[in-house]
Amino acid sequence: MFEGGTYAAKKCCQLLHQYIGNSSNLAILDLGCGTGDQGRILREMGVKGFFYGIDMSPGMLESAKSKGLYKELKQSILPEIPYADNTFDIVISAGTLCSPGNAPSESLPEIIRVTKSAGLLCFSYRQHWFENQESGWKKIHEEMLEAGLMKQLCCEVDNYIPTQNISGLYFVCHKC
């Protein structure tokens, strides 16, 4: 198990839960769903919704499928998100964005595109990679805020991979 993804999943779910409580009937996209930790953790927290997941790895999708929580799982490589505009109430991505090689920064406009108006986006970044100009993540994040496409509700700095002393940034944003 990828330790960063596990820690990030717990942290993202905790932050998101502060905004949604035990809401029900939400369409939730688990972006880079991996083994399905985000779906499992949110369900354990009492969130009742329809979970959808995408991941680039067939093996990870099989693992997520085995949890029996997901209405639909699709294989996709970011920045492509194979869903229509304004489909999801929530998009959560823990341990996927801003990890070298996982997703290009062009993924953020796609995440916003598939999120419903007034929907929530919750995601994590490795702090050092987010702040690295080469990644483009900080720039695109700031551009989306400045363009009024999303509003940042919270940002927390916390561990990302604790055993390697790697810090993470955790965001909850609202689609405008």
N, C-alpha and C. Protein backbone atom coordinates (compact mmCIF):
# COMPACT_ATOMS: atom_id res chain seq x y z
N MET A 1 0.85 -1.19 0.00
CA MET A 1 0.00 0.00 0.00
C MET A 1 0.89 1.24 0.00
N PHE A 2 0.57 2.19 -0.84
CA PHE A 2 1.29 3.45 -0.92
C PHE A 2 0.93 4.30 0.29
N GLU A 3 1.89 4.50 1.18
CA GLU A 3 1.65 5.20 2.44
C GLU A 3 1.11 6.61 2.24
N GLY A 4 1.64 7.35 1.26
CA GLY A 4 1.17 8.71 1.02
C GLY A 4 -0.30 8.74 0.65
N GLY A 5 -0.72 7.81 -0.18
CA GLY A 5 -2.12 7.76 -0.57
C GLY A 5 -3.02 7.44 0.59
N THR A 6 -2.60 6.55 1.47
CA THR A 6 -3.39 6.18 2.63
C THR A 6 -3.53 7.34 3.59
N TYR A 7 -2.44 8.02 3.90
CA TYR A 7 -2.49 9.16 4.81
C TYR A 7 -3.32 10.28 4.18
N ALA A 8 -3.08 10.56 2.92
CA ALA A 8 -3.81 11.62 2.22
C ALA A 8 -5.30 11.29 2.15
N ALA A 9 -5.65 10.05 1.95
CA ALA A 9 -7.06 9.65 1.89
C ALA A 9 -7.76 9.98 3.21
N LYS A 10 -7.15 9.60 4.30
CA LYS A 10 -7.75 9.88 5.61
C LYS A 10 -7.90 11.37 5.84
N LYS A 11 -6.85 12.13 5.54
CA LYS A 11 -6.88 13.57 5.77
C LYS A 11 -7.93 14.24 4.89
N CYS A 12 -7.96 13.91 3.60
CA CYS A 12 -8.95 14.51 2.70
C CYS A 12 -10.37 14.18 3.16
N CYS A 13 -10.61 12.95 3.52
CA CYS A 13 -11.95 12.55 3.96
C CYS A 13 -12.37 13.29 5.23
N GLN A 14 -11.44 13.46 6.16
CA GLN A 14 -11.74 14.21 7.38
C GLN A 14 -12.11 15.65 7.06
N LEU A 15 -11.32 16.30 6.20
CA LEU A 15 -11.61 17.69 5.83
C LEU A 15 -12.95 17.79 5.11
N LEU A 16 -13.17 16.93 4.15
CA LEU A 16 -14.42 16.96 3.38
C LEU A 16 -15.63 16.74 4.28
N HIS A 17 -15.50 15.81 5.21
CA HIS A 17 -16.61 15.48 6.11
C HIS A 17 -17.04 16.70 6.93
N GLN A 18 -16.12 17.60 7.23
CA GLN A 18 -16.46 18.82 7.96
C GLN A 18 -17.45 19.68 7.17
N TYR A 19 -17.44 19.56 5.86
CA TYR A 19 -18.31 20.37 5.01
C TYR A 19 -19.59 19.67 4.60
N ILE A 20 -19.58 18.35 4.59
CA ILE A 20 -20.77 17.63 4.10
C ILE A 20 -21.48 16.84 5.18
N GLY A 21 -20.83 16.59 6.31
CA GLY A 21 -21.45 15.79 7.35
C GLY A 21 -21.87 14.43 6.81
N ASN A 22 -23.04 13.98 7.23
CA ASN A 22 -23.54 12.68 6.78
C ASN A 22 -24.57 12.87 5.67
N SER A 23 -24.26 13.71 4.72
CA SER A 23 -25.15 13.96 3.59
C SER A 23 -25.43 12.67 2.85
N SER A 24 -26.54 12.68 2.13
CA SER A 24 -26.88 11.49 1.35
C SER A 24 -27.23 11.90 -0.08
N ASN A 25 -27.30 10.91 -0.92
CA ASN A 25 -27.65 11.08 -2.34
C ASN A 25 -26.69 11.97 -3.10
N LEU A 26 -25.45 12.00 -2.70
CA LEU A 26 -24.43 12.77 -3.40
C LEU A 26 -23.77 11.92 -4.47
N ALA A 27 -23.48 12.53 -5.60
CA ALA A 27 -22.69 11.87 -6.64
C ALA A 27 -21.24 12.26 -6.37
N ILE A 28 -20.41 11.28 -6.02
CA ILE A 28 -19.04 11.52 -5.58
C ILE A 28 -18.07 10.83 -6.53
N LEU A 29 -17.17 11.63 -7.13
CA LEU A 29 -16.13 11.07 -7.98
C LEU A 29 -14.85 10.95 -7.18
N ASP A 30 -14.34 9.74 -7.11
CA ASP A 30 -13.07 9.43 -6.45
C ASP A 30 -12.03 9.36 -7.56
N LEU A 31 -11.30 10.44 -7.71
CA LEU A 31 -10.35 10.61 -8.81
C LEU A 31 -9.00 10.00 -8.43
N GLY A 32 -8.59 8.99 -9.19
CA GLY A 32 -7.40 8.23 -8.80
C GLY A 32 -7.76 7.34 -7.63
N CYS A 33 -8.87 6.62 -7.78
CA CYS A 33 -9.47 5.89 -6.66
C CYS A 33 -8.58 4.81 -6.06
N GLY A 34 -7.58 4.36 -6.81
CA GLY A 34 -6.68 3.35 -6.26
C GLY A 34 -7.45 2.16 -5.72
N THR A 35 -7.20 1.82 -4.46
CA THR A 35 -7.82 0.66 -3.84
C THR A 35 -9.21 0.95 -3.28
N GLY A 36 -9.66 2.19 -3.39
CA GLY A 36 -10.99 2.55 -2.91
C GLY A 36 -11.01 3.07 -1.49
N ASP A 37 -9.86 3.49 -0.98
CA ASP A 37 -9.80 3.99 0.40
C ASP A 37 -10.74 5.16 0.66
N GLN A 38 -10.78 6.12 -0.27
CA GLN A 38 -11.62 7.29 -0.02
C GLN A 38 -13.09 6.89 0.10
N GLY A 39 -13.56 6.03 -0.79
CA GLY A 39 -14.94 5.56 -0.70
C GLY A 39 -15.21 4.85 0.60
N ARG A 40 -14.31 3.98 0.99
CA ARG A 40 -14.47 3.22 2.24
C ARG A 40 -14.49 4.14 3.44
N ILE A 41 -13.55 5.08 3.50
CA ILE A 41 -13.46 5.98 4.65
C ILE A 41 -14.70 6.87 4.74
N LEU A 42 -15.12 7.44 3.61
CA LEU A 42 -16.32 8.29 3.63
C LEU A 42 -17.55 7.50 4.05
N ARG A 43 -17.68 6.27 3.56
CA ARG A 43 -18.82 5.43 3.95
C ARG A 43 -18.77 5.14 5.45
N GLU A 44 -17.58 4.85 5.99
CA GLU A 44 -17.43 4.61 7.43
C GLU A 44 -17.78 5.85 8.25
N MET A 45 -17.59 7.04 7.66
CA MET A 45 -17.93 8.29 8.34
C MET A 45 -19.42 8.59 8.26
N GLY A 46 -20.16 7.79 7.51
CA GLY A 46 -21.60 7.97 7.43
C GLY A 46 -22.09 8.67 6.17
N VAL A 47 -21.20 8.94 5.23
CA VAL A 47 -21.61 9.59 3.99
C VAL A 47 -22.32 8.56 3.11
N LYS A 48 -23.51 8.92 2.70
CA LYS A 48 -24.30 8.03 1.84
C LYS A 48 -24.44 8.69 0.48
N GLY A 49 -23.81 8.11 -0.47
CA GLY A 49 -23.86 8.68 -1.80
C GLY A 49 -23.60 7.62 -2.84
N PHE A 50 -23.47 8.08 -4.06
CA PHE A 50 -23.17 7.20 -5.17
C PHE A 50 -21.72 7.46 -5.56
N PHE A 51 -20.88 6.47 -5.34
CA PHE A 51 -19.45 6.61 -5.57
C PHE A 51 -19.08 6.14 -6.98
N TYR A 52 -18.32 6.97 -7.66
CA TYR A 52 -17.78 6.68 -8.97
C TYR A 52 -16.27 6.79 -8.82
N GLY A 53 -15.54 5.96 -9.53
CA GLY A 53 -14.09 6.04 -9.43
C GLY A 53 -13.42 5.93 -10.78
N ILE A 54 -12.31 6.65 -10.91
CA ILE A 54 -11.46 6.46 -12.08
C ILE A 54 -10.03 6.29 -11.59
N ASP A 55 -9.30 5.47 -12.33
CA ASP A 55 -7.89 5.24 -12.04
C ASP A 55 -7.25 4.77 -13.34
N MET A 56 -5.93 4.95 -13.44
CA MET A 56 -5.25 4.52 -14.65
C MET A 56 -4.87 3.04 -14.59
N SER A 57 -4.93 2.44 -13.40
CA SER A 57 -4.48 1.07 -13.22
C SER A 57 -5.64 0.07 -13.14
N PRO A 58 -5.67 -0.90 -14.07
CA PRO A 58 -6.71 -1.93 -13.99
C PRO A 58 -6.67 -2.70 -12.66
N GLY A 59 -5.47 -2.94 -12.15
CA GLY A 59 -5.33 -3.66 -10.88
C GLY A 59 -5.93 -2.88 -9.71
N MET A 60 -5.70 -1.58 -9.70
CA MET A 60 -6.28 -0.74 -8.65
C MET A 60 -7.80 -0.71 -8.77
N LEU A 61 -8.30 -0.64 -9.98
CA LEU A 61 -9.75 -0.63 -10.19
C LEU A 61 -10.38 -1.94 -9.69
N GLU A 62 -9.70 -3.05 -9.90
CA GLU A 62 -10.19 -4.34 -9.39
C GLU A 62 -10.24 -4.33 -7.87
N SER A 63 -9.21 -3.76 -7.26
CA SER A 63 -9.18 -3.66 -5.80
C SER A 63 -10.32 -2.79 -5.29
N ALA A 64 -10.55 -1.65 -5.95
CA ALA A 64 -11.65 -0.77 -5.56
C ALA A 64 -12.99 -1.48 -5.74
N LYS A 65 -13.12 -2.23 -6.84
CA LYS A 65 -14.36 -2.96 -7.12
C LYS A 65 -14.67 -3.96 -6.01
N SER A 66 -13.63 -4.58 -5.47
CA SER A 66 -13.82 -5.59 -4.44
C SER A 66 -14.43 -5.01 -3.15
N LYS A 67 -14.37 -3.71 -2.98
CA LYS A 67 -14.96 -3.07 -1.79
C LYS A 67 -16.49 -3.03 -1.88
N GLY A 68 -17.04 -3.15 -3.10
CA GLY A 68 -18.48 -3.16 -3.28
C GLY A 68 -19.17 -1.82 -3.00
N LEU A 69 -18.44 -0.73 -3.10
CA LEU A 69 -18.99 0.59 -2.78
C LEU A 69 -19.28 1.44 -4.01
N TYR A 70 -18.66 1.11 -5.12
CA TYR A 70 -18.69 1.99 -6.28
C TYR A 70 -19.79 1.62 -7.26
N LYS A 71 -20.55 2.63 -7.65
CA LYS A 71 -21.60 2.44 -8.65
C LYS A 71 -20.97 2.19 -10.01
N GLU A 72 -19.84 2.88 -10.28
CA GLU A 72 -19.16 2.74 -11.56
C GLU A 72 -17.67 3.02 -11.39
N LEU A 73 -16.86 2.23 -12.08
CA LEU A 73 -15.41 2.42 -12.11
C LEU A 73 -14.96 2.44 -13.55
N LYS A 74 -14.10 3.42 -13.87
CA LYS A 74 -13.60 3.54 -15.24
C LYS A 74 -12.09 3.70 -15.24
N GLN A 75 -11.47 3.14 -16.27
CA GLN A 75 -10.04 3.34 -16.45
C GLN A 75 -9.84 4.60 -17.28
N SER A 76 -8.98 5.49 -16.78
CA SER A 76 -8.70 6.73 -17.49
C SER A 76 -7.37 7.28 -17.01
N ILE A 77 -6.72 8.01 -17.89
CA ILE A 77 -5.45 8.66 -17.55
C ILE A 77 -5.69 10.16 -17.59
N LEU A 78 -5.39 10.81 -16.46
CA LEU A 78 -5.57 12.26 -16.37
C LEU A 78 -4.66 12.96 -17.36
N PRO A 79 -5.14 14.04 -17.97
CA PRO A 79 -6.23 14.90 -17.53
C PRO A 79 -7.63 14.48 -18.00
N GLU A 80 -7.75 13.41 -18.76
CA GLU A 80 -9.07 13.01 -19.25
C GLU A 80 -9.93 12.47 -18.11
N ILE A 81 -11.12 13.06 -17.97
CA ILE A 81 -12.12 12.56 -17.03
C ILE A 81 -13.35 12.23 -17.87
N PRO A 82 -13.66 10.95 -18.05
CA PRO A 82 -14.70 10.53 -19.00
C PRO A 82 -16.14 10.69 -18.49
N TYR A 83 -16.47 11.89 -18.06
CA TYR A 83 -17.83 12.21 -17.61
C TYR A 83 -18.23 13.56 -18.17
N ALA A 84 -19.54 13.78 -18.25
CA ALA A 84 -20.09 15.03 -18.76
C ALA A 84 -19.86 16.18 -17.78
N ASP A 85 -20.00 17.39 -18.28
CA ASP A 85 -19.92 18.59 -17.45
C ASP A 85 -20.94 18.50 -16.32
N ASN A 86 -20.57 19.06 -15.16
CA ASN A 86 -21.50 19.22 -14.04
C ASN A 86 -22.16 17.91 -13.59
N THR A 87 -21.39 16.85 -13.50
CA THR A 87 -21.93 15.54 -13.14
C THR A 87 -21.90 15.28 -11.63
N PHE A 88 -20.87 15.77 -10.94
CA PHE A 88 -20.64 15.35 -9.55
C PHE A 88 -20.84 16.46 -8.53
N ASP A 89 -21.42 16.08 -7.39
CA ASP A 89 -21.56 17.00 -6.26
C ASP A 89 -20.21 17.21 -5.59
N ILE A 90 -19.40 16.15 -5.61
CA ILE A 90 -18.10 16.17 -4.94
C ILE A 90 -17.08 15.44 -5.82
N VAL A 91 -15.89 16.02 -5.91
CA VAL A 91 -14.75 15.31 -6.50
C VAL A 91 -13.67 15.30 -5.43
N ILE A 92 -13.20 14.10 -5.10
CA ILE A 92 -12.13 13.95 -4.12
C ILE A 92 -10.96 13.26 -4.80
N SER A 93 -9.77 13.75 -4.52
CA SER A 93 -8.56 13.15 -5.08
C SER A 93 -7.46 13.22 -4.04
N ALA A 94 -7.12 12.09 -3.49
CA ALA A 94 -6.12 12.03 -2.43
C ALA A 94 -4.95 11.17 -2.88
N GLY A 95 -3.77 11.76 -2.89
CA GLY A 95 -2.58 11.01 -3.24
C GLY A 95 -2.36 10.83 -4.74
N THR A 96 -3.11 11.56 -5.55
CA THR A 96 -3.00 11.42 -7.00
C THR A 96 -2.44 12.66 -7.67
N LEU A 97 -3.00 13.80 -7.37
CA LEU A 97 -2.56 15.05 -8.00
C LEU A 97 -1.21 15.47 -7.44
N CYS A 98 -0.48 16.10 -8.25
CA CYS A 98 0.80 16.67 -7.83
C CYS A 98 1.75 15.64 -7.23
N SER A 99 1.68 14.45 -7.74
CA SER A 99 2.69 13.43 -7.47
C SER A 99 3.36 13.22 -8.82
N PRO A 100 4.66 13.40 -8.91
CA PRO A 100 5.34 13.33 -10.20
C PRO A 100 4.92 12.10 -11.01
N GLY A 101 4.48 12.35 -12.25
CA GLY A 101 4.11 11.27 -13.15
C GLY A 101 2.66 10.84 -13.08
N ASN A 102 1.91 11.27 -12.06
CA ASN A 102 0.52 10.83 -11.93
C ASN A 102 -0.45 11.64 -12.77
N ALA A 103 -0.33 12.96 -12.71
CA ALA A 103 -1.33 13.79 -13.38
C ALA A 103 -0.72 15.13 -13.76
N PRO A 104 -1.00 15.59 -14.98
CA PRO A 104 -0.53 16.92 -15.36
C PRO A 104 -1.43 17.99 -14.73
N SER A 105 -0.91 19.20 -14.62
CA SER A 105 -1.67 20.28 -14.00
C SER A 105 -2.94 20.63 -14.78
N GLU A 106 -3.01 20.26 -16.06
CA GLU A 106 -4.21 20.49 -16.85
C GLU A 106 -5.40 19.69 -16.32
N SER A 107 -5.17 18.83 -15.36
CA SER A 107 -6.25 18.04 -14.77
C SER A 107 -7.19 18.91 -13.95
N LEU A 108 -6.70 20.00 -13.35
CA LEU A 108 -7.55 20.81 -12.49
C LEU A 108 -8.74 21.43 -13.23
N PRO A 109 -8.57 22.03 -14.40
CA PRO A 109 -9.76 22.52 -15.11
C PRO A 109 -10.76 21.40 -15.44
N GLU A 110 -10.27 20.20 -15.70
CA GLU A 110 -11.14 19.06 -15.96
C GLU A 110 -11.93 18.68 -14.71
N ILE A 111 -11.27 18.72 -13.56
CA ILE A 111 -11.94 18.42 -12.29
C ILE A 111 -13.07 19.42 -12.06
N ILE A 112 -12.77 20.68 -12.30
CA ILE A 112 -13.79 21.72 -12.14
C ILE A 112 -14.93 21.50 -13.13
N ARG A 113 -14.61 21.12 -14.34
CA ARG A 113 -15.62 20.91 -15.38
C ARG A 113 -16.65 19.86 -14.98
N VAL A 114 -16.23 18.76 -14.38
CA VAL A 114 -17.16 17.68 -14.06
C VAL A 114 -17.87 17.89 -12.72
N THR A 115 -17.48 18.92 -11.98
CA THR A 115 -18.11 19.22 -10.70
C THR A 115 -19.32 20.13 -10.92
N LYS A 116 -20.42 19.81 -10.26
CA LYS A 116 -21.63 20.63 -10.36
C LYS A 116 -21.38 22.01 -9.76
N SER A 117 -22.13 23.00 -10.21
CA SER A 117 -22.08 24.32 -9.63
C SER A 117 -22.38 24.22 -8.14
N ALA A 118 -21.58 24.88 -7.34
CA ALA A 118 -21.67 24.85 -5.87
C ALA A 118 -21.19 23.51 -5.29
N GLY A 119 -20.63 22.64 -6.13
CA GLY A 119 -20.08 21.38 -5.66
C GLY A 119 -18.75 21.60 -4.95
N LEU A 120 -18.27 20.55 -4.32
CA LEU A 120 -17.02 20.62 -3.57
C LEU A 120 -15.93 19.81 -4.23
N LEU A 121 -14.72 20.34 -4.15
CA LEU A 121 -13.52 19.66 -4.63
C LEU A 121 -12.60 19.50 -3.43
N CYS A 122 -12.10 18.33 -3.22
CA CYS A 122 -11.19 18.08 -2.10
C CYS A 122 -10.00 17.31 -2.66
N PHE A 123 -8.80 17.86 -2.45
CA PHE A 123 -7.63 17.21 -3.02
C PHE A 123 -6.38 17.50 -2.22
N SER A 124 -5.39 16.67 -2.44
CA SER A 124 -4.10 16.82 -1.76
C SER A 124 -3.00 16.98 -2.80
N TYR A 125 -1.95 17.65 -2.37
CA TYR A 125 -0.74 17.80 -3.18
C TYR A 125 0.48 17.51 -2.31
N ARG A 126 1.52 16.99 -2.90
CA ARG A 126 2.82 16.98 -2.21
C ARG A 126 3.29 18.43 -2.23
N GLN A 127 3.58 18.99 -1.07
CA GLN A 127 3.87 20.41 -0.97
C GLN A 127 5.05 20.83 -1.84
N HIS A 128 6.15 20.09 -1.78
CA HIS A 128 7.34 20.49 -2.54
C HIS A 128 7.09 20.44 -4.05
N TRP A 129 6.25 19.52 -4.50
CA TRP A 129 5.98 19.42 -5.94
C TRP A 129 4.97 20.48 -6.37
N PHE A 130 4.01 20.78 -5.51
CA PHE A 130 3.04 21.84 -5.79
C PHE A 130 3.77 23.17 -5.98
N GLU A 131 4.75 23.44 -5.14
CA GLU A 131 5.47 24.71 -5.17
C GLU A 131 6.57 24.75 -6.24
N ASN A 132 6.89 23.61 -6.84
CA ASN A 132 7.89 23.54 -7.90
C ASN A 132 7.29 24.09 -9.19
N GLN A 133 7.90 25.13 -9.75
CA GLN A 133 7.36 25.76 -10.95
C GLN A 133 7.20 24.79 -12.11
N GLU A 134 8.07 23.80 -12.21
CA GLU A 134 8.00 22.83 -13.30
C GLU A 134 6.69 22.06 -13.32
N SER A 135 6.13 21.80 -12.14
CA SER A 135 4.90 21.01 -12.07
C SER A 135 3.70 21.77 -12.64
N GLY A 136 3.69 23.08 -12.49
CA GLY A 136 2.58 23.90 -12.97
C GLY A 136 1.35 23.90 -12.08
N TRP A 137 1.38 23.13 -11.00
CA TRP A 137 0.20 22.99 -10.15
C TRP A 137 -0.14 24.26 -9.39
N LYS A 138 0.83 24.90 -8.80
CA LYS A 138 0.55 26.13 -8.05
C LYS A 138 -0.02 27.19 -8.99
N LYS A 139 0.57 27.32 -10.17
CA LYS A 139 0.14 28.31 -11.16
C LYS A 139 -1.31 28.06 -11.58
N ILE A 140 -1.65 26.83 -11.94
CA ILE A 140 -3.02 26.54 -12.40
C ILE A 140 -4.02 26.68 -11.26
N HIS A 141 -3.60 26.30 -10.05
CA HIS A 141 -4.46 26.44 -8.88
C HIS A 141 -4.81 27.92 -8.67
N GLU A 142 -3.80 28.76 -8.69
CA GLU A 142 -4.02 30.20 -8.51
C GLU A 142 -4.84 30.79 -9.66
N GLU A 143 -4.60 30.34 -10.88
CA GLU A 143 -5.39 30.81 -12.03
C GLU A 143 -6.86 30.47 -11.89
N MET A 144 -7.17 29.28 -11.43
CA MET A 144 -8.56 28.87 -11.26
C MET A 144 -9.25 29.71 -10.17
N LEU A 145 -8.51 30.03 -9.11
CA LEU A 145 -9.05 30.89 -8.05
C LEU A 145 -9.28 32.30 -8.58
N GLU A 146 -8.27 32.86 -9.25
CA GLU A 146 -8.35 34.23 -9.76
C GLU A 146 -9.44 34.37 -10.83
N ALA A 147 -9.67 33.34 -11.61
CA ALA A 147 -10.70 33.38 -12.65
C ALA A 147 -12.11 33.20 -12.06
N GLY A 148 -12.19 32.92 -10.78
CA GLY A 148 -13.48 32.75 -10.14
C GLY A 148 -14.14 31.42 -10.44
N LEU A 149 -13.36 30.44 -10.88
CA LEU A 149 -13.92 29.12 -11.18
C LEU A 149 -14.09 28.27 -9.93
N MET A 150 -13.30 28.59 -8.91
CA MET A 150 -13.43 27.91 -7.63
C MET A 150 -13.05 28.88 -6.52
N LYS A 151 -13.56 28.60 -5.34
CA LYS A 151 -13.24 29.39 -4.15
C LYS A 151 -12.64 28.45 -3.13
N GLN A 152 -11.52 28.83 -2.57
CA GLN A 152 -10.85 27.99 -1.59
C GLN A 152 -11.53 28.15 -0.23
N LEU A 153 -12.01 27.04 0.32
CA LEU A 153 -12.65 27.06 1.63
C LEU A 153 -11.66 26.78 2.74
N CYS A 154 -10.69 25.93 2.47
CA CYS A 154 -9.64 25.68 3.46
C CYS A 154 -8.40 25.12 2.78
N CYS A 155 -7.29 25.37 3.41
CA CYS A 155 -6.01 24.81 3.00
C CYS A 155 -5.25 24.48 4.27
N GLU A 156 -4.82 23.25 4.39
CA GLU A 156 -4.05 22.82 5.55
C GLU A 156 -2.75 22.18 5.09
N VAL A 157 -1.70 22.46 5.84
CA VAL A 157 -0.42 21.79 5.65
C VAL A 157 -0.36 20.68 6.69
N ASP A 158 -0.01 19.49 6.25
CA ASP A 158 0.07 18.34 7.15
C ASP A 158 1.04 17.35 6.52
N ASN A 159 1.24 16.25 7.20
CA ASN A 159 2.06 15.19 6.64
C ASN A 159 1.44 14.69 5.34
N TYR A 160 2.28 14.14 4.49
CA TYR A 160 1.82 13.48 3.28
C TYR A 160 2.35 12.05 3.30
N ILE A 161 3.66 11.92 3.45
CA ILE A 161 4.28 10.62 3.72
C ILE A 161 5.11 10.81 4.99
N PRO A 162 4.49 10.54 6.14
CA PRO A 162 5.14 10.83 7.42
C PRO A 162 6.52 10.18 7.61
N THR A 163 6.68 8.94 7.17
CA THR A 163 7.95 8.25 7.41
C THR A 163 9.09 8.81 6.56
N GLN A 164 8.74 9.59 5.51
CA GLN A 164 9.76 10.19 4.66
C GLN A 164 9.83 11.71 4.85
N ASN A 165 9.13 12.21 5.86
CA ASN A 165 9.12 13.63 6.17
C ASN A 165 8.70 14.48 4.96
N ILE A 166 7.72 14.00 4.22
CA ILE A 166 7.18 14.73 3.08
C ILE A 166 5.87 15.38 3.51
N SER A 167 5.79 16.69 3.32
CA SER A 167 4.59 17.44 3.70
C SER A 167 3.61 17.50 2.55
N GLY A 168 2.36 17.68 2.91
CA GLY A 168 1.31 17.81 1.91
C GLY A 168 0.46 19.04 2.14
N LEU A 169 -0.21 19.46 1.08
CA LEU A 169 -1.20 20.53 1.15
C LEU A 169 -2.55 19.89 0.89
N TYR A 170 -3.53 20.24 1.70
CA TYR A 170 -4.86 19.67 1.61
C TYR A 170 -5.86 20.81 1.43
N PHE A 171 -6.66 20.72 0.37
CA PHE A 171 -7.60 21.78 0.02
C PHE A 171 -9.03 21.26 -0.04
N VAL A 172 -9.95 22.12 0.37
CA VAL A 172 -11.36 21.96 0.04
C VAL A 172 -11.74 23.25 -0.65
N CYS A 173 -12.32 23.10 -1.84
CA CYS A 173 -12.73 24.25 -2.65
C CYS A 173 -14.18 24.08 -3.05
N HIS A 174 -14.80 25.20 -3.37
CA HIS A 174 -16.18 25.24 -3.80
C HIS A 174 -16.18 25.70 -5.25
N LYS A 175 -16.90 24.99 -6.12
CA LYS A 175 -16.98 25.42 -7.51
C LYS A 175 -17.93 26.61 -7.61
N CYS A 176 -17.47 27.65 -8.23
CA CYS A 176 -18.28 28.86 -8.38
C CYS A 176 -19.15 28.78 -9.64
